[in-house]
Every structure is written in structure tokens, then in C-alpha cells.
Protein backbone atom coordinates (compact mmCIF):
# COMPACT_ATOMS: atom_id res chain seq x y z
CA MET A 1 81.39 47.04 -87.68
CA THR A 2 80.25 48.92 -84.59
CA PRO A 3 81.49 47.82 -81.16
CA PRO A 4 79.02 46.03 -78.90
CA VAL A 5 76.97 48.18 -76.54
CA THR A 6 77.76 47.47 -72.90
CA THR A 7 75.51 47.40 -69.89
CA ALA A 8 76.45 47.29 -66.24
CA HIS A 9 76.91 43.52 -66.60
CA ALA A 10 78.42 42.54 -69.95
CA PRO A 11 78.62 43.62 -73.57
CA ILE A 12 75.41 43.25 -75.55
CA THR A 13 75.85 40.78 -78.39
CA PRO A 14 74.89 42.37 -81.72
CA LEU A 15 71.92 40.60 -83.26
CA THR A 16 72.23 38.55 -86.42
CA PRO A 17 70.25 39.82 -89.43
CA THR A 18 67.53 37.22 -88.77
CA LEU A 19 67.23 38.17 -85.09
CA GLN A 20 67.30 41.83 -86.11
CA ARG A 21 64.22 41.28 -88.33
CA VAL A 22 62.34 39.56 -85.50
CA ALA A 23 63.46 42.29 -83.08
CA ARG A 24 62.02 44.98 -85.37
CA HIS A 25 58.67 43.16 -85.32
CA LEU A 26 58.83 42.98 -81.49
CA ALA A 27 59.64 46.70 -81.43
CA ASN A 28 56.49 47.28 -83.46
CA GLY A 29 54.48 45.58 -80.72
CA LEU A 30 53.81 42.25 -82.43
CA THR A 31 53.48 39.00 -80.49
CA PRO A 32 55.43 35.90 -81.54
CA LYS A 33 52.26 34.48 -83.11
CA GLU A 34 51.74 37.69 -85.14
CA ILE A 35 55.41 37.72 -86.17
CA ALA A 36 55.10 34.11 -87.35
CA ALA A 37 52.03 34.98 -89.43
CA GLN A 38 53.78 37.97 -91.04
CA THR A 39 57.12 36.26 -91.71
CA GLY A 40 56.05 32.75 -92.61
CA LEU A 41 58.18 31.34 -89.79
CA SER A 42 56.69 28.85 -87.36
CA THR A 43 55.60 30.15 -83.97
CA VAL A 44 58.10 27.76 -82.36
CA THR A 45 60.93 29.26 -84.42
CA VAL A 46 59.88 32.82 -83.58
CA ARG A 47 59.71 31.97 -79.88
CA GLN A 48 63.25 30.54 -80.08
CA TYR A 49 64.42 33.71 -81.83
CA VAL A 50 62.81 35.81 -79.09
CA ARG A 51 64.69 33.71 -76.50
CA ASP A 52 67.91 34.31 -78.47
CA ILE A 53 67.20 38.06 -78.53
CA ARG A 54 66.47 38.04 -74.80
CA GLU A 55 69.75 36.23 -74.11
CA SER A 56 71.70 38.62 -76.35
CA LEU A 57 70.30 41.50 -74.29
CA HIS A 58 71.12 39.71 -71.01
CA CYS A 59 67.48 39.64 -69.97
CA PRO A 60 66.51 37.00 -67.40
CA PRO A 61 64.38 34.03 -68.55
CA ARG A 62 61.06 35.52 -67.40
CA CYS A 63 61.75 38.93 -68.93
CA LYS A 64 58.50 40.38 -70.32
CA PRO A 65 58.11 41.92 -73.81
CA PRO A 66 58.04 45.57 -72.60
CA VAL A 67 61.45 45.09 -70.96
CA ILE A 68 62.87 43.33 -74.04
CA VAL A 69 61.59 46.12 -76.31
CA HIS A 70 62.98 48.81 -73.98
CA ARG A 71 66.38 47.12 -74.02
CA LEU A 72 66.27 46.80 -77.82
CA PHE A 73 65.84 50.57 -78.00
CA ILE A 74 68.39 51.57 -75.35
CA THR A 75 71.05 49.27 -76.78
CA GLN A 76 70.28 50.58 -80.27
CA GLN A 77 69.69 47.08 -81.62
CA VAL A 78 66.50 48.59 -83.08
CA ALA A 79 65.98 52.26 -83.91
CA SER A 80 63.71 54.12 -81.52
CA PRO A 81 60.35 54.94 -83.05
CA MET A 82 59.23 58.38 -84.14
CA ALA A 83 56.28 59.88 -82.27
CA ASP A 84 53.08 59.61 -84.29
CA ARG A 85 51.08 61.75 -81.86
CA SER A 86 51.70 64.43 -79.28
CA THR A 87 53.18 63.56 -75.92
CA PRO A 88 50.56 63.30 -73.15
CA GLN A 89 51.08 65.26 -69.95
CA LEU A 90 52.03 62.61 -67.42
CA SER A 91 52.38 63.20 -63.69
CA PRO A 92 55.70 62.42 -61.98
CA GLU A 93 54.02 59.31 -60.51
CA GLN A 94 52.95 58.15 -63.98
CA LEU A 95 56.45 58.74 -65.34
CA LEU A 96 57.85 56.63 -62.49
CA LEU A 97 55.37 53.85 -63.28
CA LEU A 98 56.22 54.07 -66.98
CA ARG A 99 59.91 53.62 -66.25
CA ALA A 100 59.17 50.76 -63.83
CA VAL A 101 57.15 48.92 -66.51
CA ALA A 102 59.99 49.37 -69.01
CA GLU A 103 62.65 48.10 -66.61
CA HIS A 104 60.96 45.34 -64.58
CA SER A 105 58.99 42.21 -65.41
CA ASP A 106 57.84 41.14 -61.96
CA ALA A 107 54.69 42.90 -60.67
CA ARG A 108 56.19 43.31 -57.18
CA ASP A 109 59.33 44.91 -58.62
CA ILE A 110 57.21 47.26 -60.74
CA ALA A 111 55.20 48.29 -57.67
CA VAL A 112 58.34 48.90 -55.60
CA ALA A 113 60.07 50.87 -58.39
CA ALA A 114 56.91 52.93 -58.97
CA LYS A 115 56.45 53.46 -55.22
CA LEU A 116 52.95 51.99 -55.37
CA ALA A 117 51.11 49.63 -53.09
CA PRO A 118 50.68 46.35 -55.00
CA ALA A 119 46.91 46.67 -54.64
CA ASP A 120 47.00 50.06 -56.42
CA GLN A 121 49.27 49.04 -59.28
CA ARG A 122 46.64 47.70 -61.71
CA ALA A 123 44.44 50.79 -61.45
CA ALA A 124 47.43 53.12 -61.85
CA LEU A 125 48.63 51.16 -64.87
CA ASP A 126 45.17 51.16 -66.45
CA GLN A 127 45.02 54.95 -66.03
CA LEU A 128 48.47 55.33 -67.58
CA LEU A 129 47.57 53.10 -70.54
CA ALA A 130 44.38 55.11 -71.13
CA LYS A 131 46.14 58.48 -70.88
CA ALA A 132 48.84 57.35 -73.32
CA GLY A 133 46.35 55.69 -75.66
CA ALA A 134 48.34 52.44 -75.44
CA ARG A 135 46.71 49.06 -76.02
CA ASP A 136 49.13 47.24 -73.64
CA THR A 137 52.38 47.75 -71.75
CA THR A 138 54.60 46.89 -74.73
CA HIS A 139 52.79 49.49 -76.83
CA LEU A 140 53.19 51.94 -73.92
CA VAL A 141 56.97 51.45 -73.91
CA ILE A 142 57.11 51.88 -77.70
CA LEU A 143 55.10 55.12 -77.50
CA ALA A 144 57.21 56.37 -74.58
CA HIS A 145 60.41 55.91 -76.58
CA GLY A 146 58.86 57.83 -79.47
CA TRP A 147 58.01 60.62 -77.04
CA LYS A 148 61.52 60.40 -75.53
CA LEU A 149 60.08 59.82 -72.05
CA LEU A 150 62.40 56.91 -71.23
CA PRO A 151 66.18 57.00 -70.81
CA THR A 152 68.13 55.91 -73.86
CA ASP A 153 71.41 55.28 -72.05
CA PRO A 154 71.99 51.60 -71.16
CA ALA A 155 73.87 52.72 -68.02
CA ALA A 156 70.67 54.44 -66.81
CA ARG A 157 68.99 51.05 -66.45
CA SER A 158 68.24 50.19 -62.85
CA GLY A 159 69.57 46.65 -63.04
CA ALA A 160 66.91 45.44 -60.60
CA SER A 161 65.55 41.93 -60.96
CA GLN A 162 63.64 41.53 -64.15
């Protein structure tokens, strides 16, 4: 048995096999409703499993899926994906926004971490999604891990409010 991965706060609780299966679906970009349809579990059960995963990763209650997926990868609860396409050339500002989206759930925190005016955040994020060919922010984080554009060390996490 491998020792638990630690963050700045507390050890990460290894996921049970059932939570591990649901986590793999999350790491593939599926929503709880889509996971329920694929697994035969009820949506209520999947949502509870996602809450359990979030708690195991020490994510706050309002933690968004991109942050949960990022933490699944950096804590090695789920294997990082392989890149299925070439890495886009992102500007330093886009890389900063990418990291902010992976580490923060609150729009204000994302804007602050990305050094953007809140009014400019949506347009900048839309441009980043288009350049990466991502359908949403969770897919963006998944792609970024495949491209190795995000840190994989749990200690590298900012720890800001999520």
C-alpha cells in the first residue's frame, strides 16, 4: 500500500475502489449525470461520491470540477492523461489564467490569481478555451495536464481559497 499524498494542510485520503472509478470518470470530463448514465448509479449517488472525493482531497464545499480534477491528477489519485494533440503556444498571461482556473473555484480568486480585471476574465477565458480547443474549463485542465502545462507537485498548489 502506498502512503497517502500530503498537501500543505493534511494527508490526502486514498480513494476507495468505488470512488476511484467515479474519479476516473470525472478526470475524463464527465458530469455527475453522465457518470450516472454510464455506470448505472443514480445521479444522487454519484453526487454523493463526488462530495466524498472532494472531501478526500480537502477541497472546500464549493470547489468546482476543474479544481477537483486538477487535485486528482496532482495527488496521483488518477493518472494524468496522455496528450492526444500537440500543445498550443500559450502566452505567459494565458498560462497564468490556466493555472488560476485549475487552482481556484471563485471567479474573483481566478481573476486575482490571473492578474486580470474581473470584467476581462470571461473574454480571456473564452480565448484560452478556443486556443486550447477545450469545450469547458474542466476539459481545459485535463488537456493542460496531458500537455504537462500544470504543476504536478501537490506542494506547488497555491492554497488560496477555492
